[in-house]
N, C-alpha and C. Protein backbone atom coordinates (compact mmCIF):
# COMPACT_ATOMS: atom_id res chain seq x y z
N MET A 1 -52.22 -37.55 29.47
CA MET A 1 -51.57 -38.15 29.27
C MET A 1 -52.28 -39.46 28.24
N GLN A 2 -52.02 -40.15 27.76
CA GLN A 2 -52.88 -41.27 26.58
C GLN A 2 -52.47 -42.54 27.22
N ILE A 3 -52.99 -43.54 27.35
CA ILE A 3 -53.00 -44.46 27.47
C ILE A 3 -53.93 -45.61 26.77
N GLY A 4 -52.58 -46.83 26.65
CA GLY A 4 -53.43 -47.42 25.67
C GLY A 4 -52.36 -48.33 24.41
N PRO A 5 -52.86 -49.11 23.48
CA PRO A 5 -51.95 -49.56 22.58
C PRO A 5 -51.42 -48.46 22.00
N ARG A 6 -51.55 -47.62 21.64
CA ARG A 6 -50.92 -46.66 20.53
C ARG A 6 -49.75 -46.03 21.37
N GLN A 7 -50.08 -45.34 22.67
CA GLN A 7 -48.87 -45.43 23.36
C GLN A 7 -48.35 -45.85 23.91
N ASP A 8 -48.73 -47.52 23.92
CA ASP A 8 -47.40 -48.45 24.21
C ASP A 8 -46.57 -48.40 23.38
N MET A 9 -47.26 -48.79 21.80
CA MET A 9 -46.09 -48.92 20.77
C MET A 9 -45.14 -47.66 20.71
N LYS A 10 -45.67 -46.69 21.17
CA LYS A 10 -44.82 -45.01 21.06
C LYS A 10 -43.70 -45.68 21.89
N ARG A 11 -43.72 -46.24 23.04
CA ARG A 11 -42.50 -46.59 24.19
C ARG A 11 -41.78 -47.98 23.63
N LEU A 12 -42.74 -48.19 23.06
CA LEU A 12 -41.83 -49.72 22.52
C LEU A 12 -41.17 -49.78 21.17
N ARG A 13 -41.16 -48.43 20.41
CA ARG A 13 -40.51 -48.09 19.15
C ARG A 13 -39.78 -47.17 19.87
N LEU A 14 -39.57 -46.65 20.96
CA LEU A 14 -38.56 -45.71 21.45
C LEU A 14 -37.28 -46.89 22.11
N TRP A 15 -37.82 -47.56 23.01
CA TRP A 15 -36.97 -48.99 23.61
C TRP A 15 -36.22 -49.64 22.58
N ILE A 16 -36.98 -50.08 21.23
CA ILE A 16 -36.65 -51.19 19.80
C ILE A 16 -35.16 -50.29 19.52
N SER A 17 -35.46 -49.14 18.68
CA SER A 17 -34.68 -48.30 18.31
C SER A 17 -33.34 -48.59 18.30
N PRO A 18 -32.90 -48.25 19.77
CA PRO A 18 -31.65 -48.54 20.32
C PRO A 18 -30.76 -50.23 20.07
N ILE A 19 -31.84 -50.89 20.31
CA ILE A 19 -31.35 -52.01 20.28
C ILE A 19 -31.41 -52.64 18.75
N ALA A 20 -32.28 -51.95 18.17
CA ALA A 20 -31.90 -52.31 16.97
C ALA A 20 -30.54 -52.14 16.17
N GLY A 21 -30.15 -50.72 16.69
CA GLY A 21 -29.14 -50.56 16.42
C GLY A 21 -27.39 -50.79 17.01
N TRP A 22 -27.62 -51.18 18.10
CA TRP A 22 -26.80 -52.20 18.86
C TRP A 22 -26.69 -53.28 18.24
N LEU A 23 -27.77 -53.76 17.85
CA LEU A 23 -27.76 -55.49 17.20
C LEU A 23 -26.73 -55.14 15.82
N ILE A 24 -27.34 -54.17 15.25
CA ILE A 24 -26.76 -54.10 13.68
C ILE A 24 -25.23 -53.47 13.77
N ARG A 25 -25.00 -52.75 14.60
CA ARG A 25 -23.05 -52.81 15.03
C ARG A 25 -22.84 -53.51 15.28
N ILE A 26 -23.13 -54.77 15.96
CA ILE A 26 -22.10 -55.91 16.59
C ILE A 26 -22.34 -57.11 15.89
N THR A 27 -23.31 -57.27 15.02
CA THR A 27 -23.91 -58.62 14.44
C THR A 27 -22.88 -58.36 12.98
N PRO A 28 -22.33 -59.53 12.52
CA PRO A 28 -21.78 -59.60 10.89
C PRO A 28 -22.79 -58.91 9.67
N THR A 29 -22.07 -58.55 8.93
CA THR A 29 -22.96 -57.99 8.06
C THR A 29 -23.58 -59.05 7.12
N CYS A 30 -24.38 -58.72 5.94
CA CYS A 30 -25.29 -59.78 5.25
C CYS A 30 -23.77 -60.76 4.75
N LYS A 31 -23.09 -59.97 3.77
CA LYS A 31 -21.98 -60.24 3.12
C LYS A 31 -21.42 -61.14 3.92
N ASP A 32 -20.82 -60.57 5.03
CA ASP A 32 -20.07 -61.57 5.75
C ASP A 32 -20.49 -62.93 6.22
N MET A 33 -21.95 -62.69 6.28
CA MET A 33 -23.10 -64.12 6.74
C MET A 33 -22.77 -65.09 5.73
N THR A 34 -22.76 -64.91 4.51
CA THR A 34 -23.01 -65.71 3.83
C THR A 34 -21.44 -66.68 3.13
N GLU A 35 -20.21 -65.48 4.07
CA GLU A 35 -19.41 -66.16 4.06
C GLU A 35 -19.03 -67.27 5.29
N LEU A 36 -19.43 -66.50 6.79
CA LEU A 36 -19.63 -67.56 7.60
C LEU A 36 -20.39 -69.10 7.46
N LEU A 37 -21.46 -69.08 6.80
CA LEU A 37 -22.75 -69.65 6.62
C LEU A 37 -21.83 -71.20 6.38
N SER A 38 -21.09 -70.56 4.99
CA SER A 38 -20.45 -71.57 4.30
C SER A 38 -19.34 -72.05 4.86
N HIS A 39 -18.66 -71.26 5.50
CA HIS A 39 -17.57 -72.26 6.47
C HIS A 39 -18.04 -73.07 7.63
N ALA A 40 -19.24 -72.52 8.42
CA ALA A 40 -19.70 -73.36 9.42
C ALA A 40 -20.44 -74.49 8.75
N MET A 41 -20.53 -74.40 7.50
CA MET A 41 -20.79 -76.02 7.20
C MET A 41 -19.32 -76.66 6.99
N ASP A 42 -18.14 -76.47 6.78
CA ASP A 42 -17.05 -77.12 6.85
C ASP A 42 -16.59 -77.29 8.08
N ARG A 43 -16.76 -76.18 9.14
CA ARG A 43 -15.70 -76.53 10.03
C ARG A 43 -16.93 -75.92 10.85
N PRO A 44 -16.03 -75.91 12.46
CA PRO A 44 -17.28 -75.63 13.74
C PRO A 44 -16.24 -73.90 13.72
N LEU A 45 -17.51 -72.72 13.93
CA LEU A 45 -16.85 -71.75 14.12
C LEU A 45 -16.96 -71.02 15.86
N PRO A 46 -15.54 -70.11 16.08
CA PRO A 46 -15.71 -69.77 17.52
C PRO A 46 -17.54 -69.95 18.13
N LEU A 47 -17.35 -69.47 19.38
CA LEU A 47 -18.41 -69.39 20.45
C LEU A 47 -19.03 -67.67 19.85
N GLY A 48 -18.36 -67.22 19.96
CA GLY A 48 -18.80 -65.83 19.62
C GLY A 48 -19.05 -65.34 18.47
N ILE A 49 -18.58 -66.05 17.34
CA ILE A 49 -19.17 -65.61 15.91
C ILE A 49 -20.39 -66.51 15.83
N ARG A 50 -20.52 -67.67 16.79
CA ARG A 50 -21.85 -67.86 16.24
C ARG A 50 -22.81 -67.15 16.92
N LEU A 51 -22.45 -66.73 17.89
CA LEU A 51 -23.78 -66.19 18.88
C LEU A 51 -24.04 -64.51 18.18
N ARG A 52 -22.86 -64.26 17.42
CA ARG A 52 -23.23 -63.12 16.67
C ARG A 52 -24.03 -63.01 15.50
N MET A 53 -23.83 -64.52 14.83
CA MET A 53 -24.85 -64.75 14.00
C MET A 53 -26.16 -65.38 13.96
N ARG A 54 -26.09 -65.14 15.38
CA ARG A 54 -27.54 -65.76 15.64
C ARG A 54 -28.67 -64.62 15.91
N LEU A 55 -27.87 -63.50 16.60
CA LEU A 55 -28.28 -62.77 16.68
C LEU A 55 -28.54 -61.57 15.31
N HIS A 56 -27.91 -61.86 14.29
CA HIS A 56 -28.08 -61.33 12.82
C HIS A 56 -29.25 -61.84 12.66
N PHE A 57 -29.66 -63.37 13.06
CA PHE A 57 -30.64 -64.16 11.99
C PHE A 57 -32.02 -63.23 13.07
N LEU A 58 -31.94 -62.62 13.87
CA LEU A 58 -32.94 -62.20 14.69
C LEU A 58 -33.55 -61.14 14.02
N ILE A 59 -32.50 -60.26 13.27
CA ILE A 59 -32.89 -59.22 12.57
C ILE A 59 -32.92 -59.09 10.95
N CYS A 60 -32.78 -60.39 10.68
CA CYS A 60 -32.53 -60.45 9.20
C CYS A 60 -32.98 -61.46 8.82
N LYS A 61 -34.45 -61.98 8.15
CA LYS A 61 -34.96 -62.93 7.77
C LYS A 61 -34.24 -63.58 6.56
N TRP A 62 -33.77 -62.74 5.44
CA TRP A 62 -33.28 -63.26 4.47
C TRP A 62 -32.02 -64.03 4.95
N CYS A 63 -31.02 -63.62 5.24
CA CYS A 63 -29.80 -64.67 5.94
C CYS A 63 -30.07 -66.21 6.49
N GLU A 64 -31.48 -65.84 7.21
CA GLU A 64 -31.94 -67.12 8.00
C GLU A 64 -32.22 -67.92 6.46
N ARG A 65 -32.99 -67.39 5.42
CA ARG A 65 -33.50 -68.47 4.43
C ARG A 65 -32.44 -68.81 3.47
N TYR A 66 -31.14 -68.01 3.70
CA TYR A 66 -29.98 -68.56 2.66
C TYR A 66 -29.48 -69.96 3.68
N LYS A 67 -29.44 -69.49 4.93
CA LYS A 67 -29.00 -70.81 5.86
C LYS A 67 -29.95 -72.02 5.77
N GLN A 68 -31.31 -71.53 5.49
CA GLN A 68 -31.81 -73.27 4.76
C GLN A 68 -31.65 -73.41 3.82
N GLN A 69 -31.77 -72.42 2.44
CA GLN A 69 -31.12 -72.69 1.30
C GLN A 69 -30.05 -74.00 1.35
N LEU A 70 -29.36 -73.35 1.80
CA LEU A 70 -27.74 -73.93 2.17
C LEU A 70 -28.19 -75.36 2.25
N LEU A 71 -28.09 -75.38 3.33
CA LEU A 71 -28.75 -77.05 4.26
C LEU A 71 -29.46 -77.92 3.36
N PHE A 72 -30.79 -77.07 2.63
CA PHE A 72 -31.44 -78.09 1.72
C PHE A 72 -30.43 -78.53 0.50
N LEU A 73 -29.56 -77.86 0.13
CA LEU A 73 -28.64 -78.01 -1.06
C LEU A 73 -27.92 -79.27 -0.27
N ARG A 74 -26.69 -79.09 0.54
CA ARG A 74 -26.00 -79.93 1.02
C ARG A 74 -26.79 -81.91 1.44
N GLN A 75 -28.10 -81.21 1.85
CA GLN A 75 -28.66 -82.62 2.31
C GLN A 75 -29.52 -83.34 0.99
N ALA A 76 -29.70 -82.48 0.01
CA ALA A 76 -29.93 -82.69 -1.60
C ALA A 76 -28.75 -83.69 -2.20
N VAL A 77 -27.84 -82.79 -2.22
CA VAL A 77 -26.31 -83.54 -2.61
C VAL A 77 -25.96 -84.58 -1.59
N ARG A 78 -25.97 -84.62 -0.30
CA ARG A 78 -25.64 -85.86 0.04
C ARG A 78 -26.67 -87.16 0.16
N ARG A 79 -27.60 -87.30 -0.12
CA ARG A 79 -28.95 -87.87 -0.28
C ARG A 79 -28.45 -88.58 -1.84
N ARG A 80 -28.10 -87.74 -2.95
CA ARG A 80 -27.91 -87.77 -4.04
C ARG A 80 -26.73 -88.10 -4.28
N PRO A 81 -25.41 -88.27 -4.13
CA PRO A 81 -23.98 -87.92 -5.03
C PRO A 81 -24.13 -88.55 -6.23
N GLU A 82 -24.60 -89.44 -6.63
CA GLU A 82 -24.31 -90.48 -7.75
C GLU A 82 -25.03 -89.66 -8.93
N MET A 83 -26.32 -88.82 -8.73
CA MET A 83 -26.63 -88.43 -9.47
C MET A 83 -26.11 -87.02 -10.02
N LEU A 84 -25.51 -86.20 -9.42
CA LEU A 84 -24.68 -85.25 -9.21
C LEU A 84 -23.68 -85.32 -10.35
N HIS A 85 -22.77 -86.86 -9.94
CA HIS A 85 -21.76 -87.12 -10.88
C HIS A 85 -21.89 -87.56 -12.25
N SER A 86 -22.56 -88.58 -12.46
CA SER A 86 -23.34 -88.94 -13.05
C SER A 86 -24.09 -87.71 -14.81
N GLN A 87 -24.93 -87.12 -14.20
CA GLN A 87 -25.08 -86.02 -15.10
C GLN A 87 -23.98 -84.91 -15.40
N THR A 88 -23.04 -84.31 -14.79
CA THR A 88 -21.61 -83.99 -15.02
C THR A 88 -20.84 -84.46 -16.05
N ASP A 89 -21.06 -85.66 -16.11
CA ASP A 89 -19.97 -87.07 -16.84
C ASP A 89 -20.76 -86.67 -18.18
N ASN A 90 -22.18 -86.74 -17.99
CA ASN A 90 -22.81 -86.85 -19.18
C ASN A 90 -22.94 -85.74 -20.42
N VAL A 91 -22.62 -84.73 -19.90
CA VAL A 91 -22.75 -83.38 -20.12
C VAL A 91 -21.37 -83.43 -20.73
N ALA A 92 -20.17 -83.45 -20.10
CA ALA A 92 -18.95 -83.59 -20.79
C ALA A 92 -18.74 -84.44 -21.82
N HIS A 93 -19.70 -85.32 -22.19
CA HIS A 93 -18.99 -86.23 -23.06
C HIS A 93 -20.25 -85.83 -24.04
N GLN A 94 -20.76 -84.91 -24.10
CA GLN A 94 -21.88 -84.46 -25.16
C GLN A 94 -21.41 -83.41 -26.00
N LEU A 95 -20.73 -82.59 -25.36
CA LEU A 95 -19.83 -81.55 -25.97
C LEU A 95 -19.23 -81.90 -26.99
N SER A 96 -19.40 -81.02 -28.07
CA SER A 96 -18.41 -81.53 -29.24
C SER A 96 -16.55 -80.64 -28.93
N SER A 97 -15.78 -81.42 -29.59
CA SER A 97 -14.85 -80.77 -29.48
C SER A 97 -14.25 -79.57 -29.66
N ASP A 98 -15.35 -78.80 -30.81
CA ASP A 98 -15.17 -76.90 -30.43
C ASP A 98 -15.94 -76.27 -30.19
N ALA A 99 -16.48 -77.15 -29.05
CA ALA A 99 -17.49 -76.67 -27.95
C ALA A 99 -16.49 -76.27 -26.67
N LYS A 100 -15.41 -77.48 -26.86
CA LYS A 100 -14.87 -77.67 -25.52
C LYS A 100 -14.02 -76.50 -25.80
N ASP A 101 -13.48 -76.48 -27.11
CA ASP A 101 -11.94 -75.57 -27.15
C ASP A 101 -12.87 -74.10 -26.81
N ARG A 102 -13.89 -73.97 -27.60
CA ARG A 102 -14.30 -72.19 -27.28
C ARG A 102 -14.45 -72.27 -25.56
N LEU A 103 -14.85 -73.31 -25.03
CA LEU A 103 -15.22 -72.83 -23.64
C LEU A 103 -13.81 -72.50 -22.93
N LYS A 104 -12.48 -73.29 -23.38
CA LYS A 104 -11.93 -73.27 -22.64
C LYS A 104 -10.57 -71.82 -22.60
N GLN A 105 -11.15 -71.59 -24.44
CA GLN A 105 -10.96 -69.88 -24.71
C GLN A 105 -11.33 -69.20 -23.92
N ALA A 106 -12.60 -69.10 -23.44
CA ALA A 106 -13.54 -68.02 -22.51
C ALA A 106 -13.06 -68.25 -21.44
N LEU A 107 -12.65 -69.34 -20.62
CA LEU A 107 -11.98 -69.18 -19.44
C LEU A 107 -10.38 -68.77 -19.32
N LEU A 108 -9.91 -68.99 -20.41
CA LEU A 108 -8.77 -68.49 -20.37
C LEU A 108 -8.44 -66.84 -20.32
N GLN A 109 -9.27 -66.41 -21.14
CA GLN A 109 -9.23 -64.92 -21.16
C GLN A 109 -9.85 -64.04 -20.13
N LYS A 110 -10.61 -65.25 -19.34
CA LYS A 110 -11.09 -64.43 -17.88
C LYS A 110 -9.51 -64.60 -16.82
């Protein structure tokens, strides 16, 4: 019998594998997480869903990053809301009437 880090890693992998599989089965998918994170910004979510989301963050660094990006964008918009409105208003005034008509037609076709 071998004793040491290599043997310990084998045991650890055997133990982690079923836990990771269980976490994957009970947590939301990444696609569901994007929707849940968006909803969580607007209203409180039930405790069970929040717990499943936290478990998902344990196995998915990308969803954790997405959450941080959403929080960053939310804070940026809250700090400077006047910039958001003033820039979009200026763009609307800069478009020619032809460009506005083309945009309207393109939106109606979709």
